């Protein structure tokens, strides 16, 4: 009888162990990391990104969670601050891994995203950077198999800005001001490509480092070159300083001012008179009714914005929408794969690359960037008397999209 008792005890232990393993493989709750620079120079933009990511999680859980083969799985966010520092960011990423996250969404600062991608390449994890990564990152073999970037490179931003300035606004003489890093240089190259393709001329060029506050000398060069459009790569606080000084020097009366990539947070930092008639490319603007009427895309954007505004009391900004889209695609990857295993998630996304976003249809490309029907919207700043409320910042007057706004795959080594 003693032998029978021991045998029964062993059976119970094996059953309990099997049950624990099954629970680990088929959890009812999973954690996803949200890693952003919530302090430091990008904090204002990062806050909107965090909001977009958390809204996507809340909406999923309200529907019961992920639909997995073993049942519904709820998602918990683990939020951490990368401080826009390489050492801190990689350390916090490893902290998230230690916490048991099954995927990570994050990064406002592109160099940190690329550093984390290097870790992911060695230790696979579904990783969705939510910044505009350098063109080099999309070269064949650079991104990890499980890294998916829902935006594009600065080259695409520059190409779209140049294309819109030339084809939509009819400009032929361009002065381009870059930032002295990959953000600015890639954007410069994209604008040059558009100018060559559509028959415009770069009549002036300069570059300044990140954090420049006095643009007086540069703006004197711009005036002397007599362009019909001044395109600048500056972003965040740099863009606010530049556009204020451009207005103060009266350049807006002599040429069209075009800030290549903008957000509502940046525009909000400008007095209405400095924002008036400034053109820019915007990843997402919450009010598409005038541009797209009652189309499904306009309705989708409006419903998403309604939910975002109900939660956070402000309209959804561009970088919030990037994070929201990234989180939704990670969810789709888990559900399509029927698994949390990184390789299976990546394979599932690439095998069914077409998906819908709040700003229209999209498709993953070989380089793990996205082909959007509406990659970015051409917006025109509203001035005094035109703004009906504090967030009534732009009119949407055009859009750029399709694979033609991305660097050719051949140029990336494919």
Protein backbone atom coordinates (compact mmCIF):
# COMPACT_ATOMS: atom_id res chain seq x y z
CA UNK A 1 0.00 0.00 0.00
CA UNK A 2 2.92 2.30 0.73
CA UNK A 3 4.14 1.86 -2.86
CA UNK A 4 0.70 2.74 -4.19
CA UNK A 5 0.67 5.91 -2.07
CA UNK A 6 4.05 7.01 -3.39
CA UNK A 7 2.89 6.34 -6.95
CA UNK A 8 -0.27 8.40 -6.43
CA UNK A 9 1.79 11.24 -4.95
CA UNK A 10 4.09 11.19 -7.98
CA UNK A 11 1.11 11.28 -10.33
CA UNK A 12 -0.32 14.27 -8.48
CA UNK A 13 3.05 16.09 -8.63
CA UNK A 14 3.42 15.45 -12.37
CA UNK A 15 -0.14 16.63 -12.97
CA UNK A 16 0.45 19.82 -10.98
CA UNK A 17 3.70 20.49 -12.85
CA UNK A 18 2.00 19.92 -16.21
CA UNK A 19 -0.81 22.23 -15.16
CA UNK A 20 1.69 24.94 -14.19
CA UNK A 21 3.53 24.62 -17.51
CA UNK A 22 0.26 24.78 -19.42
CA UNK A 23 -0.69 27.90 -17.46
CA UNK A 24 2.63 29.51 -18.33
CA UNK A 25 2.23 28.64 -22.00
CA UNK A 26 -1.45 29.58 -22.11
CA UNK A 27 -1.80 32.54 -19.72
CA UNK A 28 -5.01 34.37 -18.96
CA UNK A 29 -3.10 37.66 -18.57
CA UNK A 30 0.02 38.95 -20.32
CA UNK A 31 2.23 42.00 -19.81
CA UNK A 32 3.32 44.39 -22.56
CA UNK A 33 6.06 46.95 -22.04
CA UNK A 34 5.57 50.63 -22.84
CA UNK A 35 9.02 52.22 -22.80
CA UNK A 36 9.19 55.97 -23.53
CA UNK A 37 11.17 59.11 -22.55
CA UNK A 38 8.63 60.36 -20.03
CA UNK A 39 11.23 62.77 -18.66
CA UNK A 40 13.70 64.82 -20.67
CA UNK A 41 13.46 66.77 -23.96
CA UNK A 42 10.87 64.51 -25.60
CA UNK A 43 8.58 64.17 -22.58
CA UNK A 44 5.61 66.10 -24.05
CA UNK A 45 5.51 63.92 -27.16
CA UNK A 46 6.19 60.76 -25.15
CA UNK A 47 3.21 61.48 -22.93
CA UNK A 48 0.91 61.43 -25.95
CA UNK A 49 2.51 58.16 -27.08
CA UNK A 50 1.91 56.58 -23.70
CA UNK A 51 -1.70 57.71 -23.87
CA UNK A 52 -2.18 56.15 -27.31
CA UNK A 53 -0.65 52.84 -26.23
CA UNK A 54 -2.72 52.66 -23.03
CA UNK A 55 -5.93 53.53 -24.88
CA UNK A 56 -5.36 50.59 -27.25
CA UNK A 57 -4.90 48.27 -24.26
CA UNK A 58 -8.00 49.60 -22.50
CA UNK A 59 -10.12 49.13 -25.61
CA UNK A 60 -8.86 45.59 -26.09
CA UNK A 61 -9.61 44.62 -22.50
CA UNK A 62 -13.09 46.15 -22.72
CA UNK A 63 -13.74 43.63 -25.50
CA UNK A 64 -12.50 40.76 -23.35
CA UNK A 65 -8.82 40.74 -24.30
CA UNK A 66 -6.83 38.91 -26.96
CA UNK A 67 -8.65 36.11 -28.78
CA UNK A 68 -6.25 33.20 -28.39
CA UNK A 69 -6.78 29.47 -29.05
CA UNK A 70 -6.98 28.74 -25.32
CA UNK A 71 -9.39 31.59 -24.58
CA UNK A 72 -9.45 35.30 -23.86
CA UNK A 73 -6.24 36.91 -22.56
CA UNK A 74 -6.21 40.27 -20.83
CA UNK A 75 -3.30 42.68 -21.31
CA UNK A 76 -1.49 44.64 -18.60
CA UNK A 77 0.85 47.54 -19.39
CA UNK A 78 4.23 47.86 -17.69
CA UNK A 79 5.31 51.48 -18.24
CA UNK A 80 8.94 52.57 -17.90
CA UNK A 81 10.93 55.75 -18.60
CA UNK A 82 13.91 55.46 -20.97
CA UNK A 83 14.88 59.15 -20.44
CA UNK A 84 16.04 59.27 -24.11
CA UNK A 85 19.41 57.88 -22.97
CA UNK A 86 21.04 54.84 -24.54
CA UNK A 87 22.33 53.24 -21.34
CA UNK A 88 19.17 53.95 -19.36
CA UNK A 89 16.90 52.81 -22.19
CA UNK A 90 18.63 49.46 -22.72
CA UNK A 91 18.71 48.87 -18.96
CA UNK A 92 14.99 49.64 -18.63
CA UNK A 93 14.26 47.40 -21.60
CA UNK A 94 15.99 44.53 -19.82
CA UNK A 95 13.96 45.38 -16.72
CA UNK A 96 10.78 44.94 -18.76
CA UNK A 97 12.01 41.56 -20.00
CA UNK A 98 12.69 40.53 -16.40
CA UNK A 99 9.11 41.53 -15.58
CA UNK A 100 7.91 38.96 -18.11
CA UNK A 101 6.58 41.18 -20.89
CA UNK A 102 5.66 39.41 -24.14
CA UNK A 103 6.19 42.48 -26.33
CA UNK A 104 7.43 46.08 -26.17
CA UNK A 105 6.15 49.29 -27.75
CA UNK A 106 8.23 52.40 -27.41
CA UNK A 107 10.96 54.94 -28.15
CA UNK A 108 10.58 58.52 -29.28
CA UNK A 109 14.31 58.87 -29.91
CA UNK A 110 15.46 56.88 -32.96
CA UNK A 111 19.04 56.02 -31.82
CA UNK A 112 17.67 54.25 -28.75
CA UNK A 113 15.16 52.34 -30.86
CA UNK A 114 18.02 51.08 -33.03
CA UNK A 115 20.01 50.06 -29.93
CA UNK A 116 17.07 48.10 -28.55
CA UNK A 117 16.56 46.53 -31.97
CA UNK A 118 20.12 45.16 -31.67
CA UNK A 119 19.15 43.47 -28.40
CA UNK A 120 15.96 42.11 -29.97
CA UNK A 121 17.96 40.68 -32.84
CA UNK A 122 19.91 38.53 -30.37
CA UNK A 123 16.98 37.84 -28.04
CA UNK A 124 13.75 37.85 -30.11
CA UNK A 125 10.81 39.85 -28.79
CA UNK A 126 7.88 41.47 -30.63
CA UNK A 127 9.22 45.04 -30.69
CA UNK A 128 7.34 47.99 -32.21
CA UNK A 129 9.36 51.24 -32.22
CA UNK A 130 7.11 54.31 -32.43
CA UNK A 131 9.62 56.87 -33.68
CA UNK A 132 10.80 57.85 -37.15
CA UNK A 133 13.85 55.58 -37.50
CA UNK A 134 16.86 56.41 -39.68
CA UNK A 135 16.76 55.16 -43.26
CA UNK A 136 19.81 53.00 -42.52
CA UNK A 137 17.77 50.98 -40.03
CA UNK A 138 15.58 49.66 -42.86
CA UNK A 139 18.48 48.30 -44.90
CA UNK A 140 18.36 44.56 -45.46
CA UNK A 141 19.50 42.65 -42.40
CA UNK A 142 19.45 45.65 -40.04
CA UNK A 143 16.06 45.25 -38.36
CA UNK A 144 15.40 42.17 -36.26
CA UNK A 145 12.88 39.69 -37.66
CA UNK A 146 10.54 40.62 -34.80
CA UNK A 147 10.94 44.42 -35.06
CA UNK A 148 8.13 46.23 -36.88
CA UNK A 149 8.18 50.02 -37.40
CA UNK A 150 4.73 51.52 -37.98
CA UNK A 151 6.17 54.80 -39.22
CA UNK A 152 8.84 55.39 -41.85
CA UNK A 153 12.26 57.00 -42.13
CA UNK A 154 13.09 60.72 -42.29
CA UNK A 155 13.88 60.15 -45.98
CA UNK A 156 10.16 59.54 -46.51
CA UNK A 157 9.26 62.66 -44.52
CA UNK A 158 11.57 64.74 -46.72
CA UNK A 159 10.29 63.13 -49.89
CA UNK A 160 6.66 63.78 -48.92
CA UNK A 161 7.40 67.39 -47.97
CA UNK A 162 9.22 68.00 -51.24
CA UNK A 163 6.56 66.25 -53.30
CA UNK A 164 3.74 68.19 -51.62
CA UNK A 165 5.55 71.53 -51.97
CA UNK A 166 6.20 70.94 -55.67
CA UNK A 167 3.14 69.04 -56.85
CA UNK A 168 0.42 70.49 -54.61
CA UNK A 169 1.71 73.99 -53.88
CA UNK A 170 3.48 74.50 -57.22
CA UNK A 171 6.86 75.50 -55.74
CA UNK A 172 10.06 75.18 -57.79
CA UNK A 173 12.83 76.87 -55.77
CA UNK A 174 13.59 75.20 -52.42
CA UNK A 175 15.82 76.23 -49.54
CA UNK A 176 16.29 73.25 -47.21
CA UNK A 177 17.45 73.53 -43.59
CA UNK A 178 18.56 70.19 -42.14
CA UNK A 179 19.37 69.10 -38.63
CA UNK A 180 22.98 67.94 -38.39
CA UNK A 181 22.22 64.26 -37.79
CA UNK A 182 20.58 61.31 -39.56
CA UNK A 183 17.14 62.89 -39.02
CA UNK A 184 18.13 65.97 -41.00
CA UNK A 185 20.39 64.32 -43.56
CA UNK A 186 17.87 61.61 -44.47
CA UNK A 187 15.16 64.26 -44.79
CA UNK A 188 17.44 66.36 -46.99
CA UNK A 189 18.07 63.37 -49.27
CA UNK A 190 14.35 62.64 -49.53
CA UNK A 191 13.59 66.25 -50.49
CA UNK A 192 16.37 66.18 -53.08
CA UNK A 193 14.93 62.99 -54.56
CA UNK A 194 11.50 64.64 -54.87
CA UNK A 195 13.04 67.76 -56.42
CA UNK A 196 14.88 65.69 -59.02
CA UNK A 197 11.81 63.64 -59.84
CA UNK A 198 9.35 66.53 -60.11
CA UNK A 199 11.57 69.19 -61.65
CA UNK A 200 12.36 71.57 -58.78
CA UNK A 201 15.67 73.11 -57.71
CA UNK A 202 17.42 73.23 -54.34
CA UNK A 203 18.63 76.86 -54.35
CA UNK A 204 20.00 76.86 -50.83
CA UNK A 205 21.02 74.49 -48.06
CA UNK A 206 22.25 74.70 -44.49
CA UNK A 207 22.24 72.55 -41.35
CA UNK A 208 22.27 73.22 -37.62
CA UNK A 209 22.65 70.92 -34.59
CA UNK A 210 19.83 69.67 -32.41
CA UNK A 211 19.01 72.21 -29.73
CA UNK A 212 19.75 75.34 -31.80
CA UNK A 213 17.87 78.33 -30.41
CA UNK A 214 19.08 81.24 -32.58
CA UNK A 215 18.41 80.88 -36.30
CA UNK A 216 19.09 84.51 -37.29
CA UNK A 217 22.16 83.83 -39.43
CA UNK A 218 20.50 80.92 -41.21
CA UNK A 219 17.36 82.91 -41.92
CA UNK A 220 19.44 85.69 -43.46
CA UNK A 221 20.87 83.09 -45.84
CA UNK A 222 17.35 81.90 -46.63
CA UNK A 223 16.24 85.42 -47.48
CA UNK A 224 19.29 85.98 -49.70
CA UNK A 225 18.62 82.78 -51.68
CA UNK A 226 15.12 84.00 -52.62
CA UNK A 227 13.40 80.58 -52.62
CA UNK A 228 9.68 80.24 -53.14
CA UNK A 229 9.50 77.65 -50.35
CA UNK A 230 11.59 77.22 -47.20
CA UNK A 231 11.50 73.59 -45.98
CA UNK A 232 12.95 72.84 -42.54
CA UNK A 233 13.68 69.57 -40.78
CA UNK A 234 13.46 71.00 -37.24
CA UNK A 235 11.17 69.22 -34.79
CA UNK A 236 9.76 69.77 -31.28
CA UNK A 237 11.29 72.75 -29.42
CA UNK A 238 13.68 73.45 -32.31
CA UNK A 239 10.75 73.85 -34.68
CA UNK A 240 8.93 76.21 -32.31
CA UNK A 241 12.01 78.44 -32.03
CA UNK A 242 12.61 78.43 -35.79
CA UNK A 243 9.03 79.17 -36.79
CA UNK A 244 8.73 82.00 -34.27
CA UNK A 245 11.89 83.62 -35.63
CA UNK A 246 10.80 83.05 -39.22
CA UNK A 247 7.63 85.01 -38.47
CA UNK A 248 9.48 87.72 -36.55
CA UNK A 249 11.81 88.30 -39.51
CA UNK A 250 8.87 88.45 -41.91
CA UNK A 251 9.97 85.57 -44.14
CA UNK A 252 6.40 84.29 -44.27
CA UNK A 253 5.57 87.37 -46.39
CA UNK A 254 8.34 86.55 -48.89
CA UNK A 255 8.02 82.79 -49.34
CA UNK A 256 6.02 79.72 -48.28
CA UNK A 257 7.12 78.29 -44.93
CA UNK A 258 7.08 74.49 -44.75
CA UNK A 259 8.02 72.60 -41.57
CA UNK A 260 8.55 69.05 -42.83
CA UNK A 261 7.02 67.09 -39.93
CA UNK A 262 4.80 68.48 -37.20
CA UNK A 263 2.55 67.54 -34.31
CA UNK A 264 -0.23 69.38 -32.51
CA UNK A 265 2.01 69.76 -29.46
CA UNK A 266 4.53 71.68 -31.59
CA UNK A 267 1.87 73.83 -33.27
CA UNK A 268 0.35 74.61 -29.87
CA UNK A 269 3.66 76.19 -28.89
CA UNK A 270 3.30 78.84 -31.59
CA UNK A 271 1.25 82.00 -31.43
CA UNK A 272 -1.54 81.84 -34.05
CA UNK A 273 0.07 84.60 -36.13
CA UNK A 274 3.28 82.52 -36.44
CA UNK A 275 1.35 79.35 -37.30
CA UNK A 276 -0.79 81.06 -39.96
CA UNK A 277 -0.22 79.59 -43.45
CA UNK A 278 2.67 77.36 -42.31
CA UNK A 279 2.54 74.08 -44.23
CA UNK A 280 3.68 70.74 -42.83
CA UNK A 281 3.30 66.99 -43.12
CA UNK A 282 1.29 65.48 -40.24
CA UNK A 283 1.18 61.71 -39.58
CA UNK A 284 -2.37 62.08 -38.28
CA UNK A 285 -4.73 65.01 -37.77
CA UNK A 286 -7.91 64.39 -35.87
CA UNK A 287 -10.23 66.39 -38.18
CA UNK A 288 -10.33 64.89 -41.68
CA UNK A 289 -13.93 65.83 -42.49
CA UNK A 290 -13.17 68.78 -44.73
CA UNK A 291 -10.55 66.82 -46.68
CA UNK A 292 -12.17 63.38 -46.87
CA UNK A 293 -15.83 64.25 -46.27
CA UNK A 294 -17.99 61.38 -45.05
CA UNK A 295 -15.53 58.69 -46.16
CA UNK A 296 -14.87 55.58 -44.06
CA UNK A 297 -11.40 56.93 -43.22
CA UNK A 298 -12.81 60.24 -41.94
CA UNK A 299 -15.39 58.37 -39.86
CA UNK A 300 -12.77 56.00 -38.45
CA UNK A 301 -10.50 58.90 -37.51
CA UNK A 302 -13.39 60.78 -35.91
CA UNK A 303 -14.47 57.78 -33.79
CA UNK A 304 -10.93 57.11 -32.64
CA UNK A 305 -10.50 60.78 -31.77
CA UNK A 306 -13.81 60.78 -29.87
CA UNK A 307 -12.62 57.91 -27.70
CA UNK A 308 -9.18 59.43 -27.21
CA UNK A 309 -10.60 62.82 -26.28
CA UNK A 310 -13.09 61.28 -23.85
CA UNK A 311 -10.17 59.60 -22.08
CA UNK A 312 -7.54 62.34 -22.18
CA UNK A 313 -9.49 65.60 -22.75
CA UNK A 314 -7.42 66.60 -25.82
CA UNK A 315 -7.60 65.53 -29.47
CA UNK A 316 -5.41 62.63 -30.55
CA UNK A 317 -2.02 63.85 -31.76
CA UNK A 318 0.22 62.26 -34.39
CA UNK A 319 2.60 60.40 -32.09
CA UNK A 320 -0.26 59.15 -29.91
CA UNK A 321 -1.70 57.60 -33.05
CA UNK A 322 1.63 56.02 -33.99
CA UNK A 323 1.74 54.26 -30.60
CA UNK A 324 -1.94 53.31 -30.82
CA UNK A 325 -1.37 51.76 -34.26
CA UNK A 326 1.72 49.90 -33.08
CA UNK A 327 -0.12 48.39 -30.14
CA UNK A 328 -3.03 47.29 -32.30
CA UNK A 329 -0.67 45.62 -34.77
CA UNK A 330 1.09 43.76 -31.99
CA UNK A 331 -2.32 42.50 -30.85
CA UNK A 332 -3.14 41.43 -34.41
CA UNK A 333 0.15 39.56 -34.60
CA UNK A 334 -0.61 37.58 -31.43
CA UNK A 335 -4.12 36.72 -32.62
CA UNK A 336 -3.10 35.83 -36.18
CA UNK A 337 -0.32 33.59 -34.87
CA UNK A 338 -2.48 32.09 -32.13
CA UNK A 339 0.71 32.28 -30.14
CA UNK A 340 2.91 34.59 -28.05
CA UNK A 341 6.11 33.13 -29.54
CA UNK A 342 8.03 36.00 -31.22
CA UNK A 343 8.96 34.16 -34.42
CA UNK A 344 5.39 33.01 -34.98
CA UNK A 345 4.04 36.50 -34.36
CA UNK A 346 6.43 37.99 -36.93
CA UNK A 347 5.63 35.30 -39.48
CA UNK A 348 1.89 35.84 -39.01
CA UNK A 349 2.15 39.58 -39.65
CA UNK A 350 4.22 39.09 -42.80
CA UNK A 351 1.97 36.32 -44.12
CA UNK A 352 -1.08 38.58 -43.78
CA UNK A 353 0.50 42.01 -44.21
CA UNK A 354 -2.61 44.08 -45.02
CA UNK A 355 -4.31 45.79 -42.10
CA UNK A 356 -6.60 48.69 -41.29
CA UNK A 357 -5.68 51.71 -39.22
CA UNK A 358 -7.65 54.68 -37.93
CA UNK A 359 -6.26 56.66 -40.87
CA UNK A 360 -6.93 54.11 -43.59
CA UNK A 361 -5.51 50.92 -45.13
CA UNK A 362 -1.89 49.86 -44.67
CA UNK A 363 0.45 47.01 -45.56
CA UNK A 364 3.72 45.71 -44.17
CA UNK A 365 6.62 45.75 -46.64
CA UNK A 366 9.67 43.45 -46.76
CA UNK A 367 11.75 45.95 -44.83
CA UNK A 368 9.20 45.96 -41.97
CA UNK A 369 8.06 49.48 -42.77
CA UNK A 370 4.48 50.28 -43.76
CA UNK A 371 2.88 51.28 -47.04
CA UNK A 372 0.04 53.63 -46.14
CA UNK A 373 -2.61 54.97 -48.45
CA UNK A 374 -2.30 58.14 -46.35
CA UNK A 375 1.26 58.11 -45.02
CA UNK A 376 0.92 61.74 -43.93
CA UNK A 377 -1.46 64.63 -44.43
CA UNK A 378 -0.51 68.02 -45.82
CA UNK A 379 -1.75 70.60 -43.34
CA UNK A 380 -1.93 74.40 -43.41
CA UNK A 381 -1.72 76.37 -40.18
CA UNK A 382 -4.65 78.48 -39.02
CA UNK A 383 -4.05 82.04 -37.87
CA UNK A 384 -5.83 84.52 -35.59
CA UNK A 385 -9.57 84.51 -36.14
CA UNK A 386 -9.47 81.16 -37.94
CA UNK A 387 -9.03 78.97 -34.87
CA UNK A 388 -12.42 78.13 -33.36
CA UNK A 389 -10.95 76.52 -30.24
CA UNK A 390 -7.51 75.91 -28.76
CA UNK A 391 -6.86 72.74 -30.73
CA UNK A 392 -8.24 74.02 -34.04
CA UNK A 393 -4.75 74.31 -35.49
CA UNK A 394 -4.81 73.17 -39.11
CA UNK A 395 -6.76 72.63 -42.28
CA UNK A 396 -5.94 69.37 -44.06
CA UNK A 397 -5.35 70.27 -47.72
CA UNK A 398 -3.69 67.16 -49.16
CA UNK A 399 -2.02 63.84 -48.47
CA UNK A 400 0.96 61.75 -49.53
CA UNK A 401 1.10 57.98 -49.57
CA UNK A 402 1.64 54.74 -51.44
CA UNK A 403 4.88 52.84 -51.89
CA UNK A 404 6.33 55.65 -53.99
CA UNK A 405 6.99 57.74 -50.85
CA UNK A 406 9.25 55.01 -49.40
CA UNK A 407 12.86 54.42 -50.44
CA UNK A 408 12.95 51.78 -53.20
CA UNK A 409 13.59 48.31 -51.78
CA UNK A 410 16.50 47.91 -54.20
CA UNK A 411 18.20 50.93 -52.61
CA UNK A 412 17.88 49.17 -49.24
CA UNK A 413 19.57 46.00 -50.45
CA UNK A 414 16.48 43.89 -51.27
